[in-house]
Amino acid sequence: AYFEKRRFEDLITTAKKIYHLPQF
């Protein structure tokens, strides 16, 4: 959803929360 709105900084912050998960 963030990507759809081009909210790249918010997207990066959110991605870092789950980056460690193997499914990511």
PDBML (XML) file of the C-alpha atoms, coordinates in Angstrom:
<?xml version="1.0" encoding="UTF-8" ?>
<PDBx:datablock datablockName="MODEL"
   xmlns:PDBx="http://pdbml.pdb.org/schema/pdbx-v50.xsd"
   xmlns:xsi="http://www.w3.org/2001/XMLSchema-instance"
   xsi:schemaLocation="http://pdbml.pdb.org/schema/pdbx-v50.xsd pdbx-v50.xsd">
   <PDBx:atom_siteCategory>
      <PDBx:atom_site id="1">
         <PDBx:B_iso_or_equiv>0.00</PDBx:B_iso_or_equiv>
         <PDBx:Cartn_x>0.000</PDBx:Cartn_x>
         <PDBx:Cartn_y>0.000</PDBx:Cartn_y>
         <PDBx:Cartn_z>0.000</PDBx:Cartn_z>
         <PDBx:auth_asym_id>A</PDBx:auth_asym_id>
         <PDBx:auth_atom_id>CA</PDBx:auth_atom_id>
         <PDBx:auth_comp_id>ALA</PDBx:auth_comp_id>
         <PDBx:auth_seq_id>1</PDBx:auth_seq_id>
         <PDBx:group_PDB>ATOM</PDBx:group_PDB>
         <PDBx:label_alt_id xsi:nil="true" />
         <PDBx:label_asym_id>A</PDBx:label_asym_id>
         <PDBx:label_atom_id>CA</PDBx:label_atom_id>
         <PDBx:label_comp_id>ALA</PDBx:label_comp_id>
         <PDBx:label_entity_id>1</PDBx:label_entity_id>
         <PDBx:label_seq_id>1</PDBx:label_seq_id>
         <PDBx:occupancy>1.00</PDBx:occupancy>
         <PDBx:pdbx_PDB_model_num>1</PDBx:pdbx_PDB_model_num>
         <PDBx:type_symbol>C</PDBx:type_symbol>
      </PDBx:atom_site>
      <PDBx:atom_site id="2">
         <PDBx:B_iso_or_equiv>0.00</PDBx:B_iso_or_equiv>
         <PDBx:Cartn_x>2.822</PDBx:Cartn_x>
         <PDBx:Cartn_y>2.429</PDBx:Cartn_y>
         <PDBx:Cartn_z>0.806</PDBx:Cartn_z>
         <PDBx:auth_asym_id>A</PDBx:auth_asym_id>
         <PDBx:auth_atom_id>CA</PDBx:auth_atom_id>
         <PDBx:auth_comp_id>TYR</PDBx:auth_comp_id>
         <PDBx:auth_seq_id>2</PDBx:auth_seq_id>
         <PDBx:group_PDB>ATOM</PDBx:group_PDB>
         <PDBx:label_alt_id xsi:nil="true" />
         <PDBx:label_asym_id>A</PDBx:label_asym_id>
         <PDBx:label_atom_id>CA</PDBx:label_atom_id>
         <PDBx:label_comp_id>TYR</PDBx:label_comp_id>
         <PDBx:label_entity_id>1</PDBx:label_entity_id>
         <PDBx:label_seq_id>2</PDBx:label_seq_id>
         <PDBx:occupancy>1.00</PDBx:occupancy>
         <PDBx:pdbx_PDB_model_num>1</PDBx:pdbx_PDB_model_num>
         <PDBx:type_symbol>C</PDBx:type_symbol>
      </PDBx:atom_site>
      <PDBx:atom_site id="3">
         <PDBx:B_iso_or_equiv>0.00</PDBx:B_iso_or_equiv>
         <PDBx:Cartn_x>4.390</PDBx:Cartn_x>
         <PDBx:Cartn_y>1.701</PDBx:Cartn_y>
         <PDBx:Cartn_z>-2.572</PDBx:Cartn_z>
         <PDBx:auth_asym_id>A</PDBx:auth_asym_id>
         <PDBx:auth_atom_id>CA</PDBx:auth_atom_id>
         <PDBx:auth_comp_id>PHE</PDBx:auth_comp_id>
         <PDBx:auth_seq_id>3</PDBx:auth_seq_id>
         <PDBx:group_PDB>ATOM</PDBx:group_PDB>
         <PDBx:label_alt_id xsi:nil="true" />
         <PDBx:label_asym_id>A</PDBx:label_asym_id>
         <PDBx:label_atom_id>CA</PDBx:label_atom_id>
         <PDBx:label_comp_id>PHE</PDBx:label_comp_id>
         <PDBx:label_entity_id>1</PDBx:label_entity_id>
         <PDBx:label_seq_id>3</PDBx:label_seq_id>
         <PDBx:occupancy>1.00</PDBx:occupancy>
         <PDBx:pdbx_PDB_model_num>1</PDBx:pdbx_PDB_model_num>
         <PDBx:type_symbol>C</PDBx:type_symbol>
      </PDBx:atom_site>
      <PDBx:atom_site id="4">
         <PDBx:B_iso_or_equiv>0.00</PDBx:B_iso_or_equiv>
         <PDBx:Cartn_x>1.105</PDBx:Cartn_x>
         <PDBx:Cartn_y>2.504</PDBx:Cartn_y>
         <PDBx:Cartn_z>-4.321</PDBx:Cartn_z>
         <PDBx:auth_asym_id>A</PDBx:auth_asym_id>
         <PDBx:auth_atom_id>CA</PDBx:auth_atom_id>
         <PDBx:auth_comp_id>GLU</PDBx:auth_comp_id>
         <PDBx:auth_seq_id>4</PDBx:auth_seq_id>
         <PDBx:group_PDB>ATOM</PDBx:group_PDB>
         <PDBx:label_alt_id xsi:nil="true" />
         <PDBx:label_asym_id>A</PDBx:label_asym_id>
         <PDBx:label_atom_id>CA</PDBx:label_atom_id>
         <PDBx:label_comp_id>GLU</PDBx:label_comp_id>
         <PDBx:label_entity_id>1</PDBx:label_entity_id>
         <PDBx:label_seq_id>4</PDBx:label_seq_id>
         <PDBx:occupancy>1.00</PDBx:occupancy>
         <PDBx:pdbx_PDB_model_num>1</PDBx:pdbx_PDB_model_num>
         <PDBx:type_symbol>C</PDBx:type_symbol>
      </PDBx:atom_site>
      <PDBx:atom_site id="5">
         <PDBx:B_iso_or_equiv>0.00</PDBx:B_iso_or_equiv>
         <PDBx:Cartn_x>1.208</PDBx:Cartn_x>
         <PDBx:Cartn_y>5.958</PDBx:Cartn_y>
         <PDBx:Cartn_z>-2.675</PDBx:Cartn_z>
         <PDBx:auth_asym_id>A</PDBx:auth_asym_id>
         <PDBx:auth_atom_id>CA</PDBx:auth_atom_id>
         <PDBx:auth_comp_id>LYS</PDBx:auth_comp_id>
         <PDBx:auth_seq_id>5</PDBx:auth_seq_id>
         <PDBx:group_PDB>ATOM</PDBx:group_PDB>
         <PDBx:label_alt_id xsi:nil="true" />
         <PDBx:label_asym_id>A</PDBx:label_asym_id>
         <PDBx:label_atom_id>CA</PDBx:label_atom_id>
         <PDBx:label_comp_id>LYS</PDBx:label_comp_id>
         <PDBx:label_entity_id>1</PDBx:label_entity_id>
         <PDBx:label_seq_id>5</PDBx:label_seq_id>
         <PDBx:occupancy>1.00</PDBx:occupancy>
         <PDBx:pdbx_PDB_model_num>1</PDBx:pdbx_PDB_model_num>
         <PDBx:type_symbol>C</PDBx:type_symbol>
      </PDBx:atom_site>
      <PDBx:atom_site id="6">
         <PDBx:B_iso_or_equiv>0.00</PDBx:B_iso_or_equiv>
         <PDBx:Cartn_x>4.981</PDBx:Cartn_x>
         <PDBx:Cartn_y>6.347</PDBx:Cartn_y>
         <PDBx:Cartn_z>-3.263</PDBx:Cartn_z>
         <PDBx:auth_asym_id>A</PDBx:auth_asym_id>
         <PDBx:auth_atom_id>CA</PDBx:auth_atom_id>
         <PDBx:auth_comp_id>ARG</PDBx:auth_comp_id>
         <PDBx:auth_seq_id>6</PDBx:auth_seq_id>
         <PDBx:group_PDB>ATOM</PDBx:group_PDB>
         <PDBx:label_alt_id xsi:nil="true" />
         <PDBx:label_asym_id>A</PDBx:label_asym_id>
         <PDBx:label_atom_id>CA</PDBx:label_atom_id>
         <PDBx:label_comp_id>ARG</PDBx:label_comp_id>
         <PDBx:label_entity_id>1</PDBx:label_entity_id>
         <PDBx:label_seq_id>6</PDBx:label_seq_id>
         <PDBx:occupancy>1.00</PDBx:occupancy>
         <PDBx:pdbx_PDB_model_num>1</PDBx:pdbx_PDB_model_num>
         <PDBx:type_symbol>C</PDBx:type_symbol>
      </PDBx:atom_site>
      <PDBx:atom_site id="7">
         <PDBx:B_iso_or_equiv>0.00</PDBx:B_iso_or_equiv>
         <PDBx:Cartn_x>5.587</PDBx:Cartn_x>
         <PDBx:Cartn_y>6.635</PDBx:Cartn_y>
         <PDBx:Cartn_z>0.469</PDBx:Cartn_z>
         <PDBx:auth_asym_id>A</PDBx:auth_asym_id>
         <PDBx:auth_atom_id>CA</PDBx:auth_atom_id>
         <PDBx:auth_comp_id>ARG</PDBx:auth_comp_id>
         <PDBx:auth_seq_id>7</PDBx:auth_seq_id>
         <PDBx:group_PDB>ATOM</PDBx:group_PDB>
         <PDBx:label_alt_id xsi:nil="true" />
         <PDBx:label_asym_id>A</PDBx:label_asym_id>
         <PDBx:label_atom_id>CA</PDBx:label_atom_id>
         <PDBx:label_comp_id>ARG</PDBx:label_comp_id>
         <PDBx:label_entity_id>1</PDBx:label_entity_id>
         <PDBx:label_seq_id>7</PDBx:label_seq_id>
         <PDBx:occupancy>1.00</PDBx:occupancy>
         <PDBx:pdbx_PDB_model_num>1</PDBx:pdbx_PDB_model_num>
         <PDBx:type_symbol>C</PDBx:type_symbol>
      </PDBx:atom_site>
      <PDBx:atom_site id="8">
         <PDBx:B_iso_or_equiv>0.00</PDBx:B_iso_or_equiv>
         <PDBx:Cartn_x>9.059</PDBx:Cartn_x>
         <PDBx:Cartn_y>5.151</PDBx:Cartn_y>
         <PDBx:Cartn_z>0.117</PDBx:Cartn_z>
         <PDBx:auth_asym_id>A</PDBx:auth_asym_id>
         <PDBx:auth_atom_id>CA</PDBx:auth_atom_id>
         <PDBx:auth_comp_id>PHE</PDBx:auth_comp_id>
         <PDBx:auth_seq_id>8</PDBx:auth_seq_id>
         <PDBx:group_PDB>ATOM</PDBx:group_PDB>
         <PDBx:label_alt_id xsi:nil="true" />
         <PDBx:label_asym_id>A</PDBx:label_asym_id>
         <PDBx:label_atom_id>CA</PDBx:label_atom_id>
         <PDBx:label_comp_id>PHE</PDBx:label_comp_id>
         <PDBx:label_entity_id>1</PDBx:label_entity_id>
         <PDBx:label_seq_id>8</PDBx:label_seq_id>
         <PDBx:occupancy>1.00</PDBx:occupancy>
         <PDBx:pdbx_PDB_model_num>1</PDBx:pdbx_PDB_model_num>
         <PDBx:type_symbol>C</PDBx:type_symbol>
      </PDBx:atom_site>
      <PDBx:atom_site id="9">
         <PDBx:B_iso_or_equiv>0.00</PDBx:B_iso_or_equiv>
         <PDBx:Cartn_x>10.479</PDBx:Cartn_x>
         <PDBx:Cartn_y>6.227</PDBx:Cartn_y>
         <PDBx:Cartn_z>3.481</PDBx:Cartn_z>
         <PDBx:auth_asym_id>A</PDBx:auth_asym_id>
         <PDBx:auth_atom_id>CA</PDBx:auth_atom_id>
         <PDBx:auth_comp_id>GLU</PDBx:auth_comp_id>
         <PDBx:auth_seq_id>9</PDBx:auth_seq_id>
         <PDBx:group_PDB>ATOM</PDBx:group_PDB>
         <PDBx:label_alt_id xsi:nil="true" />
         <PDBx:label_asym_id>A</PDBx:label_asym_id>
         <PDBx:label_atom_id>CA</PDBx:label_atom_id>
         <PDBx:label_comp_id>GLU</PDBx:label_comp_id>
         <PDBx:label_entity_id>1</PDBx:label_entity_id>
         <PDBx:label_seq_id>9</PDBx:label_seq_id>
         <PDBx:occupancy>1.00</PDBx:occupancy>
         <PDBx:pdbx_PDB_model_num>1</PDBx:pdbx_PDB_model_num>
         <PDBx:type_symbol>C</PDBx:type_symbol>
      </PDBx:atom_site>
      <PDBx:atom_site id="10">
         <PDBx:B_iso_or_equiv>0.00</PDBx:B_iso_or_equiv>
         <PDBx:Cartn_x>7.521</PDBx:Cartn_x>
         <PDBx:Cartn_y>4.719</PDBx:Cartn_y>
         <PDBx:Cartn_z>5.348</PDBx:Cartn_z>
         <PDBx:auth_asym_id>A</PDBx:auth_asym_id>
         <PDBx:auth_atom_id>CA</PDBx:auth_atom_id>
         <PDBx:auth_comp_id>ASP</PDBx:auth_comp_id>
         <PDBx:auth_seq_id>10</PDBx:auth_seq_id>
         <PDBx:group_PDB>ATOM</PDBx:group_PDB>
         <PDBx:label_alt_id xsi:nil="true" />
         <PDBx:label_asym_id>A</PDBx:label_asym_id>
         <PDBx:label_atom_id>CA</PDBx:label_atom_id>
         <PDBx:label_comp_id>ASP</PDBx:label_comp_id>
         <PDBx:label_entity_id>1</PDBx:label_entity_id>
         <PDBx:label_seq_id>10</PDBx:label_seq_id>
         <PDBx:occupancy>1.00</PDBx:occupancy>
         <PDBx:pdbx_PDB_model_num>1</PDBx:pdbx_PDB_model_num>
         <PDBx:type_symbol>C</PDBx:type_symbol>
      </PDBx:atom_site>
      <PDBx:atom_site id="11">
         <PDBx:B_iso_or_equiv>0.00</PDBx:B_iso_or_equiv>
         <PDBx:Cartn_x>7.870</PDBx:Cartn_x>
         <PDBx:Cartn_y>1.568</PDBx:Cartn_y>
         <PDBx:Cartn_z>3.257</PDBx:Cartn_z>
         <PDBx:auth_asym_id>A</PDBx:auth_asym_id>
         <PDBx:auth_atom_id>CA</PDBx:auth_atom_id>
         <PDBx:auth_comp_id>LEU</PDBx:auth_comp_id>
         <PDBx:auth_seq_id>11</PDBx:auth_seq_id>
         <PDBx:group_PDB>ATOM</PDBx:group_PDB>
         <PDBx:label_alt_id xsi:nil="true" />
         <PDBx:label_asym_id>A</PDBx:label_asym_id>
         <PDBx:label_atom_id>CA</PDBx:label_atom_id>
         <PDBx:label_comp_id>LEU</PDBx:label_comp_id>
         <PDBx:label_entity_id>1</PDBx:label_entity_id>
         <PDBx:label_seq_id>11</PDBx:label_seq_id>
         <PDBx:occupancy>1.00</PDBx:occupancy>
         <PDBx:pdbx_PDB_model_num>1</PDBx:pdbx_PDB_model_num>
         <PDBx:type_symbol>C</PDBx:type_symbol>
      </PDBx:atom_site>
      <PDBx:atom_site id="12">
         <PDBx:B_iso_or_equiv>0.00</PDBx:B_iso_or_equiv>
         <PDBx:Cartn_x>11.549</PDBx:Cartn_x>
         <PDBx:Cartn_y>1.192</PDBx:Cartn_y>
         <PDBx:Cartn_z>4.150</PDBx:Cartn_z>
         <PDBx:auth_asym_id>A</PDBx:auth_asym_id>
         <PDBx:auth_atom_id>CA</PDBx:auth_atom_id>
         <PDBx:auth_comp_id>ILE</PDBx:auth_comp_id>
         <PDBx:auth_seq_id>12</PDBx:auth_seq_id>
         <PDBx:group_PDB>ATOM</PDBx:group_PDB>
         <PDBx:label_alt_id xsi:nil="true" />
         <PDBx:label_asym_id>A</PDBx:label_asym_id>
         <PDBx:label_atom_id>CA</PDBx:label_atom_id>
         <PDBx:label_comp_id>ILE</PDBx:label_comp_id>
         <PDBx:label_entity_id>1</PDBx:label_entity_id>
         <PDBx:label_seq_id>12</PDBx:label_seq_id>
         <PDBx:occupancy>1.00</PDBx:occupancy>
         <PDBx:pdbx_PDB_model_num>1</PDBx:pdbx_PDB_model_num>
         <PDBx:type_symbol>C</PDBx:type_symbol>
      </PDBx:atom_site>
      <PDBx:atom_site id="13">
         <PDBx:B_iso_or_equiv>0.00</PDBx:B_iso_or_equiv>
         <PDBx:Cartn_x>10.832</PDBx:Cartn_x>
         <PDBx:Cartn_y>1.667</PDBx:Cartn_y>
         <PDBx:Cartn_z>7.860</PDBx:Cartn_z>
         <PDBx:auth_asym_id>A</PDBx:auth_asym_id>
         <PDBx:auth_atom_id>CA</PDBx:auth_atom_id>
         <PDBx:auth_comp_id>THR</PDBx:auth_comp_id>
         <PDBx:auth_seq_id>13</PDBx:auth_seq_id>
         <PDBx:group_PDB>ATOM</PDBx:group_PDB>
         <PDBx:label_alt_id xsi:nil="true" />
         <PDBx:label_asym_id>A</PDBx:label_asym_id>
         <PDBx:label_atom_id>CA</PDBx:label_atom_id>
         <PDBx:label_comp_id>THR</PDBx:label_comp_id>
         <PDBx:label_entity_id>1</PDBx:label_entity_id>
         <PDBx:label_seq_id>13</PDBx:label_seq_id>
         <PDBx:occupancy>1.00</PDBx:occupancy>
         <PDBx:pdbx_PDB_model_num>1</PDBx:pdbx_PDB_model_num>
         <PDBx:type_symbol>C</PDBx:type_symbol>
      </PDBx:atom_site>
      <PDBx:atom_site id="14">
         <PDBx:B_iso_or_equiv>0.00</PDBx:B_iso_or_equiv>
         <PDBx:Cartn_x>8.120</PDBx:Cartn_x>
         <PDBx:Cartn_y>-0.988</PDBx:Cartn_y>
         <PDBx:Cartn_z>7.729</PDBx:Cartn_z>
         <PDBx:auth_asym_id>A</PDBx:auth_asym_id>
         <PDBx:auth_atom_id>CA</PDBx:auth_atom_id>
         <PDBx:auth_comp_id>THR</PDBx:auth_comp_id>
         <PDBx:auth_seq_id>14</PDBx:auth_seq_id>
         <PDBx:group_PDB>ATOM</PDBx:group_PDB>
         <PDBx:label_alt_id xsi:nil="true" />
         <PDBx:label_asym_id>A</PDBx:label_asym_id>
         <PDBx:label_atom_id>CA</PDBx:label_atom_id>
         <PDBx:label_comp_id>THR</PDBx:label_comp_id>
         <PDBx:label_entity_id>1</PDBx:label_entity_id>
         <PDBx:label_seq_id>14</PDBx:label_seq_id>
         <PDBx:occupancy>1.00</PDBx:occupancy>
         <PDBx:pdbx_PDB_model_num>1</PDBx:pdbx_PDB_model_num>
         <PDBx:type_symbol>C</PDBx:type_symbol>
      </PDBx:atom_site>
      <PDBx:atom_site id="15">
         <PDBx:B_iso_or_equiv>0.00</PDBx:B_iso_or_equiv>
         <PDBx:Cartn_x>10.254</PDBx:Cartn_x>
         <PDBx:Cartn_y>-3.424</PDBx:Cartn_y>
         <PDBx:Cartn_z>5.740</PDBx:Cartn_z>
         <PDBx:auth_asym_id>A</PDBx:auth_asym_id>
         <PDBx:auth_atom_id>CA</PDBx:auth_atom_id>
         <PDBx:auth_comp_id>ALA</PDBx:auth_comp_id>
         <PDBx:auth_seq_id>15</PDBx:auth_seq_id>
         <PDBx:group_PDB>ATOM</PDBx:group_PDB>
         <PDBx:label_alt_id xsi:nil="true" />
         <PDBx:label_asym_id>A</PDBx:label_asym_id>
         <PDBx:label_atom_id>CA</PDBx:label_atom_id>
         <PDBx:label_comp_id>ALA</PDBx:label_comp_id>
         <PDBx:label_entity_id>1</PDBx:label_entity_id>
         <PDBx:label_seq_id>15</PDBx:label_seq_id>
         <PDBx:occupancy>1.00</PDBx:occupancy>
         <PDBx:pdbx_PDB_model_num>1</PDBx:pdbx_PDB_model_num>
         <PDBx:type_symbol>C</PDBx:type_symbol>
      </PDBx:atom_site>
      <PDBx:atom_site id="16">
         <PDBx:B_iso_or_equiv>0.00</PDBx:B_iso_or_equiv>
         <PDBx:Cartn_x>13.025</PDBx:Cartn_x>
         <PDBx:Cartn_y>-3.269</PDBx:Cartn_y>
         <PDBx:Cartn_z>8.327</PDBx:Cartn_z>
         <PDBx:auth_asym_id>A</PDBx:auth_asym_id>
         <PDBx:auth_atom_id>CA</PDBx:auth_atom_id>
         <PDBx:auth_comp_id>LYS</PDBx:auth_comp_id>
         <PDBx:auth_seq_id>16</PDBx:auth_seq_id>
         <PDBx:group_PDB>ATOM</PDBx:group_PDB>
         <PDBx:label_alt_id xsi:nil="true" />
         <PDBx:label_asym_id>A</PDBx:label_asym_id>
         <PDBx:label_atom_id>CA</PDBx:label_atom_id>
         <PDBx:label_comp_id>LYS</PDBx:label_comp_id>
         <PDBx:label_entity_id>1</PDBx:label_entity_id>
         <PDBx:label_seq_id>16</PDBx:label_seq_id>
         <PDBx:occupancy>1.00</PDBx:occupancy>
         <PDBx:pdbx_PDB_model_num>1</PDBx:pdbx_PDB_model_num>
         <PDBx:type_symbol>C</PDBx:type_symbol>
      </PDBx:atom_site>
      <PDBx:atom_site id="17">
         <PDBx:B_iso_or_equiv>0.00</PDBx:B_iso_or_equiv>
         <PDBx:Cartn_x>10.592</PDBx:Cartn_x>
         <PDBx:Cartn_y>-4.593</PDBx:Cartn_y>
         <PDBx:Cartn_z>10.953</PDBx:Cartn_z>
         <PDBx:auth_asym_id>A</PDBx:auth_asym_id>
         <PDBx:auth_atom_id>CA</PDBx:auth_atom_id>
         <PDBx:auth_comp_id>LYS</PDBx:auth_comp_id>
         <PDBx:auth_seq_id>17</PDBx:auth_seq_id>
         <PDBx:group_PDB>ATOM</PDBx:group_PDB>
         <PDBx:label_alt_id xsi:nil="true" />
         <PDBx:label_asym_id>A</PDBx:label_asym_id>
         <PDBx:label_atom_id>CA</PDBx:label_atom_id>
         <PDBx:label_comp_id>LYS</PDBx:label_comp_id>
         <PDBx:label_entity_id>1</PDBx:label_entity_id>
         <PDBx:label_seq_id>17</PDBx:label_seq_id>
         <PDBx:occupancy>1.00</PDBx:occupancy>
         <PDBx:pdbx_PDB_model_num>1</PDBx:pdbx_PDB_model_num>
         <PDBx:type_symbol>C</PDBx:type_symbol>
      </PDBx:atom_site>
      <PDBx:atom_site id="18">
         <PDBx:B_iso_or_equiv>0.00</PDBx:B_iso_or_equiv>
         <PDBx:Cartn_x>10.191</PDBx:Cartn_x>
         <PDBx:Cartn_y>-7.897</PDBx:Cartn_y>
         <PDBx:Cartn_z>9.098</PDBx:Cartn_z>
         <PDBx:auth_asym_id>A</PDBx:auth_asym_id>
         <PDBx:auth_atom_id>CA</PDBx:auth_atom_id>
         <PDBx:auth_comp_id>ILE</PDBx:auth_comp_id>
         <PDBx:auth_seq_id>18</PDBx:auth_seq_id>
         <PDBx:group_PDB>ATOM</PDBx:group_PDB>
         <PDBx:label_alt_id xsi:nil="true" />
         <PDBx:label_asym_id>A</PDBx:label_asym_id>
         <PDBx:label_atom_id>CA</PDBx:label_atom_id>
         <PDBx:label_comp_id>ILE</PDBx:label_comp_id>
         <PDBx:label_entity_id>1</PDBx:label_entity_id>
         <PDBx:label_seq_id>18</PDBx:label_seq_id>
         <PDBx:occupancy>1.00</PDBx:occupancy>
         <PDBx:pdbx_PDB_model_num>1</PDBx:pdbx_PDB_model_num>
         <PDBx:type_symbol>C</PDBx:type_symbol>
      </PDBx:atom_site>
      <PDBx:atom_site id="19">
         <PDBx:B_iso_or_equiv>0.00</PDBx:B_iso_or_equiv>
         <PDBx:Cartn_x>13.467</PDBx:Cartn_x>
         <PDBx:Cartn_y>-8.006</PDBx:Cartn_y>
         <PDBx:Cartn_z>7.162</PDBx:Cartn_z>
         <PDBx:auth_asym_id>A</PDBx:auth_asym_id>
         <PDBx:auth_atom_id>CA</PDBx:auth_atom_id>
         <PDBx:auth_comp_id>TYR</PDBx:auth_comp_id>
         <PDBx:auth_seq_id>19</PDBx:auth_seq_id>
         <PDBx:group_PDB>ATOM</PDBx:group_PDB>
         <PDBx:label_alt_id xsi:nil="true" />
         <PDBx:label_asym_id>A</PDBx:label_asym_id>
         <PDBx:label_atom_id>CA</PDBx:label_atom_id>
         <PDBx:label_comp_id>TYR</PDBx:label_comp_id>
         <PDBx:label_entity_id>1</PDBx:label_entity_id>
         <PDBx:label_seq_id>19</PDBx:label_seq_id>
         <PDBx:occupancy>1.00</PDBx:occupancy>
         <PDBx:pdbx_PDB_model_num>1</PDBx:pdbx_PDB_model_num>
         <PDBx:type_symbol>C</PDBx:type_symbol>
      </PDBx:atom_site>
      <PDBx:atom_site id="20">
         <PDBx:B_iso_or_equiv>0.00</PDBx:B_iso_or_equiv>
         <PDBx:Cartn_x>14.792</PDBx:Cartn_x>
         <PDBx:Cartn_y>-10.836</PDBx:Cartn_y>
         <PDBx:Cartn_z>9.343</PDBx:Cartn_z>
         <PDBx:auth_asym_id>A</PDBx:auth_asym_id>
         <PDBx:auth_atom_id>CA</PDBx:auth_atom_id>
         <PDBx:auth_comp_id>HIS</PDBx:auth_comp_id>
         <PDBx:auth_seq_id>20</PDBx:auth_seq_id>
         <PDBx:group_PDB>ATOM</PDBx:group_PDB>
         <PDBx:label_alt_id xsi:nil="true" />
         <PDBx:label_asym_id>A</PDBx:label_asym_id>
         <PDBx:label_atom_id>CA</PDBx:label_atom_id>
         <PDBx:label_comp_id>HIS</PDBx:label_comp_id>
         <PDBx:label_entity_id>1</PDBx:label_entity_id>
         <PDBx:label_seq_id>20</PDBx:label_seq_id>
         <PDBx:occupancy>1.00</PDBx:occupancy>
         <PDBx:pdbx_PDB_model_num>1</PDBx:pdbx_PDB_model_num>
         <PDBx:type_symbol>C</PDBx:type_symbol>
      </PDBx:atom_site>
      <PDBx:atom_site id="21">
         <PDBx:B_iso_or_equiv>0.00</PDBx:B_iso_or_equiv>
         <PDBx:Cartn_x>11.910</PDBx:Cartn_x>
         <PDBx:Cartn_y>-13.170</PDBx:Cartn_y>
         <PDBx:Cartn_z>8.464</PDBx:Cartn_z>
         <PDBx:auth_asym_id>A</PDBx:auth_asym_id>
         <PDBx:auth_atom_id>CA</PDBx:auth_atom_id>
         <PDBx:auth_comp_id>LEU</PDBx:auth_comp_id>
         <PDBx:auth_seq_id>21</PDBx:auth_seq_id>
         <PDBx:group_PDB>ATOM</PDBx:group_PDB>
         <PDBx:label_alt_id xsi:nil="true" />
         <PDBx:label_asym_id>A</PDBx:label_asym_id>
         <PDBx:label_atom_id>CA</PDBx:label_atom_id>
         <PDBx:label_comp_id>LEU</PDBx:label_comp_id>
         <PDBx:label_entity_id>1</PDBx:label_entity_id>
         <PDBx:label_seq_id>21</PDBx:label_seq_id>
         <PDBx:occupancy>1.00</PDBx:occupancy>
         <PDBx:pdbx_PDB_model_num>1</PDBx:pdbx_PDB_model_num>
         <PDBx:type_symbol>C</PDBx:type_symbol>
      </PDBx:atom_site>
      <PDBx:atom_site id="22">
         <PDBx:B_iso_or_equiv>0.00</PDBx:B_iso_or_equiv>
         <PDBx:Cartn_x>12.845</PDBx:Cartn_x>
         <PDBx:Cartn_y>-15.881</PDBx:Cartn_y>
         <PDBx:Cartn_z>5.923</PDBx:Cartn_z>
         <PDBx:auth_asym_id>A</PDBx:auth_asym_id>
         <PDBx:auth_atom_id>CA</PDBx:auth_atom_id>
         <PDBx:auth_comp_id>PRO</PDBx:auth_comp_id>
         <PDBx:auth_seq_id>22</PDBx:auth_seq_id>
         <PDBx:group_PDB>ATOM</PDBx:group_PDB>
         <PDBx:label_alt_id xsi:nil="true" />
         <PDBx:label_asym_id>A</PDBx:label_asym_id>
         <PDBx:label_atom_id>CA</PDBx:label_atom_id>
         <PDBx:label_comp_id>PRO</PDBx:label_comp_id>
         <PDBx:label_entity_id>1</PDBx:label_entity_id>
         <PDBx:label_seq_id>22</PDBx:label_seq_id>
         <PDBx:occupancy>1.00</PDBx:occupancy>
         <PDBx:pdbx_PDB_model_num>1</PDBx:pdbx_PDB_model_num>
         <PDBx:type_symbol>C</PDBx:type_symbol>
      </PDBx:atom_site>
      <PDBx:atom_site id="23">
         <PDBx:B_iso_or_equiv>0.00</PDBx:B_iso_or_equiv>
         <PDBx:Cartn_x>9.584</PDBx:Cartn_x>
         <PDBx:Cartn_y>-15.370</PDBx:Cartn_y>
         <PDBx:Cartn_z>4.023</PDBx:Cartn_z>
         <PDBx:auth_asym_id>A</PDBx:auth_asym_id>
         <PDBx:auth_atom_id>CA</PDBx:auth_atom_id>
         <PDBx:auth_comp_id>GLN</PDBx:auth_comp_id>
         <PDBx:auth_seq_id>23</PDBx:auth_seq_id>
         <PDBx:group_PDB>ATOM</PDBx:group_PDB>
         <PDBx:label_alt_id xsi:nil="true" />
         <PDBx:label_asym_id>A</PDBx:label_asym_id>
         <PDBx:label_atom_id>CA</PDBx:label_atom_id>
         <PDBx:label_comp_id>GLN</PDBx:label_comp_id>
         <PDBx:label_entity_id>1</PDBx:label_entity_id>
         <PDBx:label_seq_id>23</PDBx:label_seq_id>
         <PDBx:occupancy>1.00</PDBx:occupancy>
         <PDBx:pdbx_PDB_model_num>1</PDBx:pdbx_PDB_model_num>
         <PDBx:type_symbol>C</PDBx:type_symbol>
      </PDBx:atom_site>
      <PDBx:atom_site id="24">
         <PDBx:B_iso_or_equiv>0.00</PDBx:B_iso_or_equiv>
         <PDBx:Cartn_x>10.476</PDBx:Cartn_x>
         <PDBx:Cartn_y>-11.737</PDBx:Cartn_y>
         <PDBx:Cartn_z>3.343</PDBx:Cartn_z>
         <PDBx:auth_asym_id>A</PDBx:auth_asym_id>
         <PDBx:auth_atom_id>CA</PDBx:auth_atom_id>
         <PDBx:auth_comp_id>PHE</PDBx:auth_comp_id>
         <PDBx:auth_seq_id>24</PDBx:auth_seq_id>
         <PDBx:group_PDB>ATOM</PDBx:group_PDB>
         <PDBx:label_alt_id xsi:nil="true" />
         <PDBx:label_asym_id>A</PDBx:label_asym_id>
         <PDBx:label_atom_id>CA</PDBx:label_atom_id>
         <PDBx:label_comp_id>PHE</PDBx:label_comp_id>
         <PDBx:label_entity_id>1</PDBx:label_entity_id>
         <PDBx:label_seq_id>24</PDBx:label_seq_id>
         <PDBx:occupancy>1.00</PDBx:occupancy>
         <PDBx:pdbx_PDB_model_num>1</PDBx:pdbx_PDB_model_num>
         <PDBx:type_symbol>C</PDBx:type_symbol>
      </PDBx:atom_site>
   </PDBx:atom_siteCategory>
</PDBx:datablock>
